[in-house]
Amino acid sequence: MGEGFRDTMTNIGDILVEQLEKGYDFLKQSTNGIVKAYNMRVLKTKKTKITTNIGERLIQVRDGSPCAEIFKDDTLLALFEKLSDIETTINNYKE
């Protein structure tokens, strides 16, 4: 009788562990989606701010010298680089 009870308890323990693992995997996937959605929102906000900064900088460059080459401005180049990085990150999250 002792071995049968031991086997039953072992089987119940195995079932319990399997169910806990399934629940953990579900929670992990669920929170991963929430984190991605939050990060996407933050990145889109940053993208909007950088786009606004680019527009403001373009106005400054054009007001100072209408014939100036806008792509020779280091500040604009840095902003475009940041914008490119953010868009790449957003596209990676979408995949």
Foldseek 3Di string as FASTA:
>chain_A
DVVVVVVVVVVVVVVVVVVVVVVVVVVVVVVVVVVLVVVLVVLVVVLVVLVVVLVVVVVVVCVVPVPDDPVVDPVNVVSVVVNVVSVVVNVVSVD
